[in-house]
C-alpha atoms as a PDB file:
ATOM      1  CA  UNK A   1     -23.498 124.389-163.618  1.00  0.00           C
ATOM      2  CA  UNK A   2     -24.942 123.067-160.385  1.00  0.00           C
ATOM      3  CA  UNK A   3     -21.817 124.050-158.444  1.00  0.00           C
ATOM      4  CA  UNK A   4     -21.635 127.602-159.747  1.00  0.00           C
ATOM      5  CA  UNK A   5     -23.897 129.191-157.163  1.00  0.00           C
ATOM      6  CA  UNK A   6     -23.525 126.834-154.199  1.00  0.00           C
ATOM      7  CA  UNK A   7     -22.489 129.619-151.837  1.00  0.00           C
ATOM      8  CA  UNK A   8     -25.889 131.210-152.523  1.00  0.00           C
ATOM      9  CA  UNK A   9     -27.946 128.051-151.978  1.00  0.00           C
ATOM     10  CA  UNK A  10     -29.434 128.884-148.617  1.00  0.00           C
ATOM     11  CA  UNK A  11     -30.221 132.546-148.989  1.00  0.00           C
ATOM     12  CA  UNK A  12     -31.761 132.457-152.438  1.00  0.00           C
ATOM     13  CA  UNK A  13     -34.164 129.606-151.817  1.00  0.00           C
ATOM     14  CA  UNK A  14     -35.637 131.498-148.885  1.00  0.00           C
ATOM     15  CA  UNK A  15     -35.919 134.936-150.490  1.00  0.00           C
ATOM     16  CA  UNK A  16     -39.564 135.694-149.878  1.00  0.00           C
ATOM     17  CA  UNK A  17     -39.682 134.040-146.459  1.00  0.00           C
ATOM     18  CA  UNK A  18     -36.567 135.689-145.176  1.00  0.00           C
ATOM     19  CA  UNK A  19     -37.790 139.233-145.682  1.00  0.00           C
ATOM     20  CA  UNK A  20     -41.382 138.923-144.546  1.00  0.00           C
ATOM     21  CA  UNK A  21     -42.611 140.948-141.567  1.00  0.00           C
ATOM     22  CA  UNK A  22     -45.751 141.794-139.597  1.00  0.00           C
ATOM     23  CA  UNK A  23     -45.024 144.922-137.547  1.00  0.00           C
ATOM     24  CA  UNK A  24     -46.236 148.168-139.075  1.00  0.00           C
ATOM     25  CA  UNK A  25     -43.214 149.893-137.519  1.00  0.00           C
ATOM     26  CA  UNK A  26     -40.762 147.022-137.478  1.00  0.00           C
ATOM     27  CA  UNK A  27     -37.058 147.823-137.408  1.00  0.00           C
ATOM     28  CA  UNK A  28     -34.009 145.953-138.609  1.00  0.00           C
ATOM     29  CA  UNK A  29     -31.901 146.246-135.439  1.00  0.00           C
ATOM     30  CA  UNK A  30     -33.158 145.303-131.952  1.00  0.00           C
ATOM     31  CA  UNK A  31     -31.673 145.356-128.471  1.00  0.00           C
ATOM     32  CA  UNK A  32     -32.295 142.528-125.993  1.00  0.00           C
ATOM     33  CA  UNK A  33     -32.025 143.183-122.248  1.00  0.00           C
ATOM     34  CA  UNK A  34     -33.532 141.958-118.979  1.00  0.00           C
ATOM     35  CA  UNK A  35     -33.548 138.564-117.275  1.00  0.00           C
ATOM     36  CA  UNK A  36     -30.353 139.547-115.436  1.00  0.00           C
ATOM     37  CA  UNK A  37     -28.257 139.682-118.600  1.00  0.00           C
ATOM     38  CA  UNK A  38     -24.858 141.170-117.778  1.00  0.00           C
ATOM     39  CA  UNK A  39     -24.678 142.881-121.170  1.00  0.00           C
ATOM     40  CA  UNK A  40     -27.268 143.584-123.875  1.00  0.00           C
ATOM     41  CA  UNK A  41     -27.494 141.428-126.976  1.00  0.00           C
ATOM     42  CA  UNK A  42     -28.883 142.303-130.397  1.00  0.00           C
ATOM     43  CA  UNK A  43     -31.009 141.010-133.279  1.00  0.00           C
ATOM     44  CA  UNK A  44     -30.510 142.105-136.872  1.00  0.00           C
ATOM     45  CA  UNK A  45     -32.733 141.250-139.834  1.00  0.00           C
ATOM     46  CA  UNK A  46     -30.989 140.787-143.164  1.00  0.00           C
ATOM     47  CA  UNK A  47     -32.214 140.778-146.753  1.00  0.00           C
ATOM     48  CA  UNK A  48     -30.561 138.350-149.084  1.00  0.00           C
ATOM     49  CA  UNK A  49     -30.253 140.646-152.097  1.00  0.00           C
ATOM     50  CA  UNK A  50     -28.802 143.696-150.312  1.00  0.00           C
ATOM     51  CA  UNK A  51     -25.194 144.792-150.674  1.00  0.00           C
ATOM     52  CA  UNK A  52     -22.861 144.364-147.726  1.00  0.00           C
ATOM     53  CA  UNK A  53     -22.201 148.105-147.801  1.00  0.00           C
ATOM     54  CA  UNK A  54     -25.726 148.638-146.461  1.00  0.00           C
ATOM     55  CA  UNK A  55     -24.379 147.764-142.992  1.00  0.00           C
ATOM     56  CA  UNK A  56     -23.205 151.344-142.606  1.00  0.00           C
ATOM     57  CA  UNK A  57     -26.701 152.643-143.460  1.00  0.00           C
ATOM     58  CA  UNK A  58     -28.244 150.996-140.381  1.00  0.00           C
ATOM     59  CA  UNK A  59     -28.054 153.373-137.407  1.00  0.00           C
ATOM     60  CA  UNK A  60     -26.166 151.725-134.580  1.00  0.00           C
ATOM     61  CA  UNK A  61     -25.178 148.504-136.377  1.00  0.00           C
ATOM     62  CA  UNK A  62     -21.450 149.292-136.820  1.00  0.00           C
ATOM     63  CA  UNK A  63     -21.265 150.217-133.136  1.00  0.00           C
ATOM     64  CA  UNK A  64     -23.066 147.021-132.145  1.00  0.00           C
ATOM     65  CA  UNK A  65     -20.566 144.976-134.141  1.00  0.00           C
ATOM     66  CA  UNK A  66     -17.769 146.687-132.221  1.00  0.00           C
ATOM     67  CA  UNK A  67     -19.368 145.916-128.857  1.00  0.00           C
ATOM     68  CA  UNK A  68     -20.587 142.309-129.129  1.00  0.00           C
ATOM     69  CA  UNK A  69     -18.557 139.256-128.173  1.00  0.00           C
ATOM     70  CA  UNK A  70     -19.962 136.749-130.695  1.00  0.00           C
ATOM     71  CA  UNK A  71     -22.205 136.638-133.739  1.00  0.00           C
ATOM     72  CA  UNK A  72     -24.808 133.970-134.514  1.00  0.00           C
ATOM     73  CA  UNK A  73     -25.866 133.396-138.119  1.00  0.00           C
ATOM     74  CA  UNK A  74     -28.031 130.733-139.710  1.00  0.00           C
ATOM     75  CA  UNK A  75     -24.921 128.916-140.961  1.00  0.00           C
ATOM     76  CA  UNK A  76     -21.321 130.121-140.789  1.00  0.00           C
ATOM     77  CA  UNK A  77     -19.643 130.829-144.112  1.00  0.00           C
ATOM     78  CA  UNK A  78     -16.780 128.537-143.118  1.00  0.00           C
ATOM     79  CA  UNK A  79     -19.155 125.619-142.608  1.00  0.00           C
ATOM     80  CA  UNK A  80     -21.070 126.352-145.796  1.00  0.00           C
ATOM     81  CA  UNK A  81     -17.924 126.559-147.923  1.00  0.00           C
ATOM     82  CA  UNK A  82     -16.277 123.408-146.556  1.00  0.00           C
ATOM     83  CA  UNK A  83     -15.622 120.716-149.219  1.00  0.00           C
ATOM     84  CA  UNK A  84     -17.807 118.203-147.431  1.00  0.00           C
ATOM     85  CA  UNK A  85     -20.686 120.702-147.325  1.00  0.00           C
ATOM     86  CA  UNK A  86     -20.362 121.418-151.034  1.00  0.00           C
ATOM     87  CA  UNK A  87     -20.352 117.694-151.772  1.00  0.00           C
ATOM     88  CA  UNK A  88     -23.433 117.160-149.619  1.00  0.00           C
ATOM     89  CA  UNK A  89     -25.332 119.990-151.248  1.00  0.00           C
ATOM     90  CA  UNK A  90     -24.255 119.016-154.752  1.00  0.00           C
ATOM     91  CA  UNK A  91     -25.465 115.451-154.244  1.00  0.00           C
ATOM     92  CA  UNK A  92     -28.755 116.638-152.740  1.00  0.00           C
ATOM     93  CA  UNK A  93     -29.422 118.842-155.766  1.00  0.00           C
ATOM     94  CA  UNK A  94     -29.412 115.881-158.139  1.00  0.00           C
ATOM     95  CA  UNK A  95     -32.665 114.103-158.982  1.00  0.00           C
ATOM     96  CA  UNK A  96     -33.174 110.326-158.808  1.00  0.00           C
ATOM     97  CA  UNK A  97     -32.831 108.686-162.218  1.00  0.00           C
ATOM     98  CA  UNK A  98     -36.542 107.914-162.355  1.00  0.00           C
ATOM     99  CA  UNK A  99     -37.532 111.494-161.449  1.00  0.00           C
ATOM    100  CA  UNK A 100     -35.585 113.752-163.780  1.00  0.00           C
ATOM    101  CA  UNK A 101     -37.296 116.906-165.035  1.00  0.00           C
ATOM    102  CA  UNK A 102     -38.424 115.327-168.284  1.00  0.00           C
ATOM    103  CA  UNK A 103     -40.255 112.699-166.235  1.00  0.00           C
ATOM    104  CA  UNK A 104     -41.821 115.148-163.760  1.00  0.00           C
ATOM    105  CA  UNK A 105     -43.446 117.461-166.327  1.00  0.00           C
ATOM    106  CA  UNK A 106     -45.675 117.233-169.334  1.00  0.00           C
ATOM    107  CA  UNK A 107     -44.401 118.582-172.642  1.00  0.00           C
ATOM    108  CA  UNK A 108     -46.347 121.795-172.022  1.00  0.00           C
ATOM    109  CA  UNK A 109     -44.883 122.196-168.556  1.00  0.00           C
ATOM    110  CA  UNK A 110     -41.341 121.667-169.822  1.00  0.00           C
ATOM    111  CA  UNK A 111     -41.937 124.259-172.534  1.00  0.00           C
ATOM    112  CA  UNK A 112     -42.963 126.877-169.952  1.00  0.00           C
ATOM    113  CA  UNK A 113     -39.843 126.226-167.887  1.00  0.00           C
ATOM    114  CA  UNK A 114     -37.619 126.025-170.961  1.00  0.00           C
ATOM    115  CA  UNK A 115     -38.775 129.459-172.107  1.00  0.00           C
ATOM    116  CA  UNK A 116     -37.751 130.991-168.770  1.00  0.00           C
ATOM    117  CA  UNK A 117     -34.445 129.122-168.684  1.00  0.00           C
ATOM    118  CA  UNK A 118     -33.610 130.380-172.169  1.00  0.00           C
ATOM    119  CA  UNK A 119     -34.636 133.909-171.189  1.00  0.00           C
ATOM    120  CA  UNK A 120     -31.862 133.995-168.597  1.00  0.00           C
ATOM    121  CA  UNK A 121     -29.374 131.373-169.826  1.00  0.00           C
ATOM    122  CA  UNK A 122     -29.987 131.498-173.574  1.00  0.00           C
ATOM    123  CA  UNK A 123     -26.976 133.730-174.121  1.00  0.00           C
ATOM    124  CA  UNK A 124     -24.889 130.780-172.925  1.00  0.00           C
ATOM    125  CA  UNK A 125     -26.719 128.356-175.201  1.00  0.00           C
ATOM    126  CA  UNK A 126     -28.398 126.667-172.237  1.00  0.00           C
ATOM    127  CA  UNK A 127     -31.925 125.263-172.277  1.00  0.00           C
ATOM    128  CA  UNK A 128     -33.944 123.129-169.883  1.00  0.00           C
ATOM    129  CA  UNK A 129     -32.281 119.925-171.142  1.00  0.00           C
ATOM    130  CA  UNK A 130     -29.070 120.963-169.362  1.00  0.00           C
ATOM    131  CA  UNK A 131     -30.966 120.852-166.053  1.00  0.00           C
ATOM    132  CA  UNK A 132     -32.782 117.530-166.484  1.00  0.00           C
ATOM    133  CA  UNK A 133     -30.682 115.775-163.847  1.00  0.00           C
ATOM    134  CA  UNK A 134     -31.291 118.426-161.180  1.00  0.00           C
ATOM    135  CA  UNK A 135     -34.161 118.566-158.708  1.00  0.00           C
ATOM    136  CA  UNK A 136     -36.725 121.310-159.378  1.00  0.00           C
ATOM    137  CA  UNK A 137     -35.661 123.182-156.223  1.00  0.00           C
ATOM    138  CA  UNK A 138     -32.088 123.319-157.502  1.00  0.00           C
ATOM    139  CA  UNK A 139     -33.231 124.625-160.885  1.00  0.00           C
ATOM    140  CA  UNK A 140     -35.313 127.253-159.129  1.00  0.00           C
ATOM    141  CA  UNK A 141     -32.240 128.371-157.225  1.00  0.00           C
ATOM    142  CA  UNK A 142     -30.192 128.794-160.392  1.00  0.00           C
ATOM    143  CA  UNK A 143     -32.973 130.863-161.927  1.00  0.00           C
ATOM    144  CA  UNK A 144     -33.313 133.035-158.830  1.00  0.00           C
ATOM    145  CA  UNK A 145     -29.639 133.939-158.888  1.00  0.00           C
ATOM    146  CA  UNK A 146     -29.439 134.954-162.516  1.00  0.00           C
ATOM    147  CA  UNK A 147     -32.872 136.609-162.339  1.00  0.00           C
ATOM    148  CA  UNK A 148     -31.616 138.815-159.519  1.00  0.00           C
ATOM    149  CA  UNK A 149     -28.561 139.874-161.505  1.00  0.00           C
ATOM    150  CA  UNK A 150     -30.876 141.300-164.151  1.00  0.00           C
ATOM    151  CA  UNK A 151     -33.736 142.577-161.973  1.00  0.00           C
ATOM    152  CA  UNK A 152     -31.871 144.281-159.135  1.00  0.00           C
ATOM    153  CA  UNK A 153     -29.464 147.165-159.862  1.00  0.00           C
ATOM    154  CA  UNK A 154     -25.900 146.610-158.649  1.00  0.00           C
ATOM    155  CA  UNK A 155     -26.706 143.084-157.481  1.00  0.00           C
ATOM    156  CA  UNK A 156     -23.451 141.332-156.617  1.00  0.00           C
ATOM    157  CA  UNK A 157     -23.812 137.773-155.267  1.00  0.00           C
ATOM    158  CA  UNK A 158     -20.249 137.964-153.936  1.00  0.00           C
ATOM    159  CA  UNK A 159     -20.997 140.915-151.626  1.00  0.00           C
ATOM    160  CA  UNK A 160     -24.275 140.435-149.782  1.00  0.00           C
ATOM    161  CA  UNK A 161     -25.202 141.689-146.353  1.00  0.00           C
ATOM    162  CA  UNK A 162     -25.640 138.226-144.805  1.00  0.00           C
ATOM    163  CA  UNK A 163     -22.009 137.276-145.230  1.00  0.00           C
ATOM    164  CA  UNK A 164     -20.814 140.865-144.849  1.00  0.00           C
ATOM    165  CA  UNK A 165     -22.182 141.120-141.291  1.00  0.00           C
ATOM    166  CA  UNK A 166     -20.469 137.885-140.333  1.00  0.00           C
ATOM    167  CA  UNK A 167     -17.197 138.960-141.949  1.00  0.00           C
ATOM    168  CA  UNK A 168     -17.303 142.399-140.333  1.00  0.00           C
ATOM    169  CA  UNK A 169     -17.647 140.651-136.979  1.00  0.00           C
ATOM    170  CA  UNK A 170     -14.917 138.073-137.518  1.00  0.00           C
ATOM    171  CA  UNK A 171     -12.544 140.708-138.901  1.00  0.00           C
ATOM    172  CA  UNK A 172     -12.898 142.410-135.528  1.00  0.00           C
ATOM    173  CA  UNK A 173     -12.062 139.206-133.702  1.00  0.00           C
ATOM    174  CA  UNK A 174     -15.611 138.167-132.825  1.00  0.00           C
ATOM    175  CA  UNK A 175     -16.453 134.459-132.782  1.00  0.00           C
ATOM    176  CA  UNK A 176     -18.992 133.304-135.394  1.00  0.00           C
ATOM    177  CA  UNK A 177     -21.477 130.544-134.610  1.00  0.00           C
ATOM    178  CA  UNK A 178     -24.115 128.634-136.588  1.00  0.00           C
ATOM    179  CA  UNK A 179     -27.732 128.272-135.515  1.00  0.00           C
ATOM    180  CA  UNK A 180     -28.234 125.345-137.903  1.00  0.00           C
ATOM    181  CA  UNK A 181     -26.207 122.603-139.556  1.00  0.00           C
ATOM    182  CA  UNK A 182     -25.462 122.163-143.234  1.00  0.00           C
ATOM    183  CA  UNK A 183     -27.325 118.855-143.105  1.00  0.00           C
ATOM    184  CA  UNK A 184     -30.450 120.539-141.794  1.00  0.00           C
ATOM    185  CA  UNK A 185     -30.302 123.202-144.501  1.00  0.00           C
ATOM    186  CA  UNK A 186     -29.750 120.580-147.177  1.00  0.00           C
ATOM    187  CA  UNK A 187     -32.847 118.714-146.079  1.00  0.00           C
ATOM    188  CA  UNK A 188     -34.864 121.918-145.844  1.00  0.00           C
ATOM    189  CA  UNK A 189     -33.979 123.068-149.333  1.00  0.00           C
ATOM    190  CA  UNK A 190     -33.788 119.964-151.446  1.00  0.00           C
ATOM    191  CA  UNK A 191     -35.598 117.094-149.779  1.00  0.00           C
ATOM    192  CA  UNK A 192     -39.188 118.261-149.958  1.00  0.00           C
ATOM    193  CA  UNK A 193     -41.395 115.889-152.003  1.00  0.00           C
ATOM    194  CA  UNK A 194     -40.444 116.147-155.668  1.00  0.00           C
ATOM    195  CA  UNK A 195     -44.018 116.748-156.754  1.00  0.00           C
ATOM    196  CA  UNK A 196     -44.131 119.831-154.508  1.00  0.00           C
ATOM    197  CA  UNK A 197     -40.789 121.060-155.856  1.00  0.00           C
ATOM    198  CA  UNK A 198     -42.029 120.533-159.404  1.00  0.00           C
ATOM    199  CA  UNK A 199     -45.194 122.517-158.744  1.00  0.00           C
ATOM    200  CA  UNK A 200     -43.239 125.390-157.168  1.00  0.00           C
ATOM    201  CA  UNK A 201     -40.816 125.639-160.094  1.00  0.00           C
ATOM    202  CA  UNK A 202     -43.607 125.632-162.646  1.00  0.00           C
ATOM    203  CA  UNK A 203     -45.545 128.336-160.786  1.00  0.00           C
ATOM    204  CA  UNK A 204     -42.414 130.452-160.507  1.00  0.00           C
ATOM    205  CA  UNK A 205     -41.872 130.208-164.264  1.00  0.00           C
ATOM    206  CA  UNK A 206     -45.519 130.992-165.036  1.00  0.00           C
ATOM    207  CA  UNK A 207     -45.208 134.156-162.921  1.00  0.00           C
ATOM    208  CA  UNK A 208     -41.699 135.105-163.986  1.00  0.00           C
ATOM    209  CA  UNK A 209     -42.418 138.751-164.782  1.00  0.00           C
ATOM    210  CA  UNK A 210     -44.391 139.243-161.563  1.00  0.00           C
ATOM    211  CA  UNK A 211     -41.705 137.617-159.432  1.00  0.00           C
ATOM    212  CA  UNK A 212     -39.048 139.782-161.067  1.00  0.00           C
ATOM    213  CA  UNK A 213     -41.012 142.944-160.328  1.00  0.00           C
ATOM    214  CA  UNK A 214     -41.722 141.822-156.779  1.00  0.00           C
ATOM    215  CA  UNK A 215     -38.003 141.371-156.133  1.00  0.00           C
ATOM    216  CA  UNK A 216     -37.393 145.016-157.044  1.00  0.00           C
ATOM    217  CA  UNK A 217     -40.239 146.266-154.845  1.00  0.00           C
ATOM    218  CA  UNK A 218     -39.149 144.193-151.865  1.00  0.00           C
ATOM    219  CA  UNK A 219     -35.587 145.492-152.073  1.00  0.00           C
ATOM    220  CA  UNK A 220     -36.905 149.052-151.965  1.00  0.00           C
ATOM    221  CA  UNK A 221     -39.258 148.280-149.072  1.00  0.00           C
ATOM    222  CA  UNK A 222     -36.448 146.682-147.086  1.00  0.00           C
ATOM    223  CA  UNK A 223     -34.088 149.604-147.592  1.00  0.00           C
ATOM    224  CA  UNK A 224     -36.799 151.952-146.305  1.00  0.00           C
ATOM    225  CA  UNK A 225     -37.780 149.518-143.521  1.00  0.00           C
ATOM    226  CA  UNK A 226     -41.345 149.252-144.826  1.00  0.00           C
ATOM    227  CA  UNK A 227     -41.486 145.709-143.557  1.00  0.00           C
ATOM    228  CA  UNK A 228     -45.262 145.543-143.297  1.00  0.00           C
ATOM    229  CA  UNK A 229     -45.447 145.869-147.094  1.00  0.00           C
ATOM    230  CA  UNK A 230     -43.123 142.917-147.485  1.00  0.00           C
ATOM    231  CA  UNK A 231     -45.651 140.763-145.673  1.00  0.00           C
ATOM    232  CA  UNK A 232     -48.307 141.704-148.219  1.00  0.00           C
ATOM    233  CA  UNK A 233     -46.080 140.549-151.078  1.00  0.00           C
ATOM    234  CA  UNK A 234     -44.982 137.427-149.220  1.00  0.00           C
ATOM    235  CA  UNK A 235     -48.612 136.396-148.676  1.00  0.00           C
ATOM    236  CA  UNK A 236     -49.715 137.053-152.266  1.00  0.00           C
ATOM    237  CA  UNK A 237     -50.095 133.635-153.864  1.00  0.00           C
ATOM    238  CA  UNK A 238     -50.146 135.174-157.338  1.00  0.00           C
ATOM    239  CA  UNK A 239     -46.595 136.357-156.706  1.00  0.00           C
ATOM    240  CA  UNK A 240     -45.339 133.073-155.314  1.00  0.00           C
ATOM    241  CA  UNK A 241     -46.338 133.696-151.714  1.00  0.00           C
ATOM    242  CA  UNK A 242     -46.189 130.942-149.133  1.00  0.00           C
ATOM    243  CA  UNK A 243     -49.021 129.163-147.395  1.00  0.00           C
ATOM    244  CA  UNK A 244     -49.195 128.543-143.646  1.00  0.00           C
ATOM    245  CA  UNK A 245     -47.608 125.097-143.925  1.00  0.00           C
ATOM    246  CA  UNK A 246     -44.565 126.515-145.727  1.00  0.00           C
ATOM    247  CA  UNK A 247     -44.250 129.311-143.186  1.00  0.00           C
ATOM    248  CA  UNK A 248     -44.301 126.796-140.364  1.00  0.00           C
ATOM    249  CA  UNK A 249     -41.592 124.654-141.934  1.00  0.00           C
ATOM    250  CA  UNK A 250     -39.352 127.437-143.219  1.00  0.00           C
ATOM    251  CA  UNK A 251     -39.753 130.066-140.496  1.00  0.00           C
ATOM    252  CA  UNK A 252     -41.767 129.333-137.364  1.00  0.00           C
ATOM    253  CA  UNK A 253     -40.352 125.917-136.470  1.00  0.00           C
ATOM    254  CA  UNK A 254     -36.831 127.171-137.031  1.00  0.00           C
ATOM    255  CA  UNK A 255     -37.448 130.226-134.842  1.00  0.00           C
ATOM    256  CA  UNK A 256     -38.491 128.009-131.951  1.00  0.00           C
ATOM    257  CA  UNK A 257     -35.476 125.767-132.468  1.00  0.00           C
ATOM    258  CA  UNK A 258     -33.124 128.752-132.234  1.00  0.00           C
ATOM    259  CA  UNK A 259     -34.454 130.240-128.997  1.00  0.00           C
ATOM    260  CA  UNK A 260     -32.721 127.877-126.506  1.00  0.00           C
ATOM    261  CA  UNK A 261     -29.370 128.438-128.241  1.00  0.00           C
ATOM    262  CA  UNK A 262     -29.841 132.210-128.286  1.00  0.00           C
ATOM    263  CA  UNK A 263     -30.875 132.345-124.630  1.00  0.00           C
ATOM    264  CA  UNK A 264     -27.916 130.257-123.514  1.00  0.00           C
ATOM    265  CA  UNK A 265     -25.475 132.352-125.563  1.00  0.00           C
ATOM    266  CA  UNK A 266     -26.809 135.642-124.160  1.00  0.00           C
ATOM    267  CA  UNK A 267     -26.059 134.416-120.644  1.00  0.00           C
ATOM    268  CA  UNK A 268     -22.400 134.031-121.608  1.00  0.00           C
ATOM    269  CA  UNK A 269     -21.926 137.481-123.140  1.00  0.00           C
ATOM    270  CA  UNK A 270     -23.174 140.000-125.686  1.00  0.00           C
ATOM    271  CA  UNK A 271     -24.197 138.458-129.014  1.00  0.00           C
ATOM    272  CA  UNK A 272     -25.556 139.620-132.350  1.00  0.00           C
ATOM    273  CA  UNK A 273     -28.107 137.317-133.975  1.00  0.00           C
ATOM    274  CA  UNK A 274     -28.045 138.084-137.705  1.00  0.00           C
ATOM    275  CA  UNK A 275     -30.769 136.205-139.621  1.00  0.00           C
ATOM    276  CA  UNK A 276     -33.332 136.840-142.344  1.00  0.00           C
ATOM    277  CA  UNK A 277     -35.628 139.695-141.328  1.00  0.00           C
ATOM    278  CA  UNK A 278     -38.743 137.527-141.561  1.00  0.00           C
ATOM    279  CA  UNK A 279     -37.540 135.469-138.619  1.00  0.00           C
ATOM    280  CA  UNK A 280     -37.805 138.451-136.265  1.00  0.00           C
ATOM    281  CA  UNK A 281     -41.391 139.823-136.234  1.00  0.00           C
ATOM    282  CA  UNK A 282     -44.843 138.398-135.741  1.00  0.00           C
ATOM    283  CA  UNK A 283     -46.411 136.315-132.957  1.00  0.00           C
ATOM    284  CA  UNK A 284     -44.120 133.407-133.802  1.00  0.00           C
ATOM    285  CA  UNK A 285     -41.054 135.511-134.536  1.00  0.00           C
ATOM    286  CA  UNK A 286     -37.813 135.601-132.555  1.00  0.00           C
ATOM    287  CA  UNK A 287     -38.752 138.939-130.978  1.00  0.00           C
ATOM    288  CA  UNK A 288     -42.073 137.667-129.614  1.00  0.00           C
ATOM    289  CA  UNK A 289     -40.538 134.364-128.503  1.00  0.00           C
ATOM    290  CA  UNK A 290     -37.827 136.155-126.511  1.00  0.00           C
ATOM    291  CA  UNK A 291     -40.373 138.512-124.984  1.00  0.00           C
ATOM    292  CA  UNK A 292     -42.401 135.480-123.916  1.00  0.00           C
ATOM    293  CA  UNK A 293     -39.320 134.355-121.999  1.00  0.00           C
ATOM    294  CA  UNK A 294     -39.235 137.657-120.093  1.00  0.00           C
ATOM    295  CA  UNK A 295     -36.673 139.608-122.115  1.00  0.00           C
ATOM    296  CA  UNK A 296     -37.094 143.229-123.159  1.00  0.00           C
ATOM    297  CA  UNK A 297     -36.665 143.588-126.926  1.00  0.00           C
ATOM    298  CA  UNK A 298     -36.628 147.142-128.236  1.00  0.00           C
ATOM    299  CA  UNK A 299     -35.841 148.661-131.669  1.00  0.00           C
ATOM    300  CA  UNK A 300     -32.691 150.695-132.195  1.00  0.00           C
ATOM    301  CA  UNK A 301     -32.888 151.971-135.775  1.00  0.00           C
ATOM    302  CA  UNK A 302     -35.690 154.142-137.118  1.00  0.00           C
ATOM    303  CA  UNK A 303     -37.695 154.053-140.374  1.00  0.00           C
ATOM    304  CA  UNK A 304     -36.143 156.018-143.209  1.00  0.00           C
END
């Protein structure tokens, strides 16, 4: 079971973070110029539960893909799907023998999680006992995937916009590059303290119906580029929102780490940086960080 959704490991764990935003009129596609760049480069914010076909609904994005020389994503599909990456992730998802789920939770806590597991996996005869050997973060990921298949119309985990943008680029002969390593992502997702993972999973299960509804609302807001509303949901603790420490670890620190790579790549040619939309806006977002370096960053698409 733990290997079934490994190609979704990164994007699902960062759902709420990856689609947060702070600009009242934020866009999905941005143009980067200035600082003596020979050619413009571009930023595109993705949503991890949107179909790959949505690419053609973004004004200017197909043309940008035609024009750029290279694409930068959080992690290339080729790197993520490599056997060694799958082995690394699979091992990281497993809990130490002294910290299996039945040892991390009280009987009441296990019952809450078991009820949610059976809600989504019961048709397969699966209960919480089948997940005892997995870390709470890995269990959360499994639940997020199957929850999305029921909550979001036409959800297809095999055709999502993150990978579709990369594939559209590589099909046109563009070089794909990773902003992060598989090892970094593994640590980010599965190596947080187990007590924190356990608390997050339990809260998610306690708020299952709210989280399910929020997923639907956030998909609609993204499609209409109402990104400021996504921030409200992302910050709502009752709906599983993230505190400032989580935002720093999952978004802000990573944004700063990416900037030197992005700046160097833009000097070499036109690039498209395709990452979760929440990495773009805000005072610590990629847009603001590039502007602080003297670049002009302007929106291309318009609100629907």
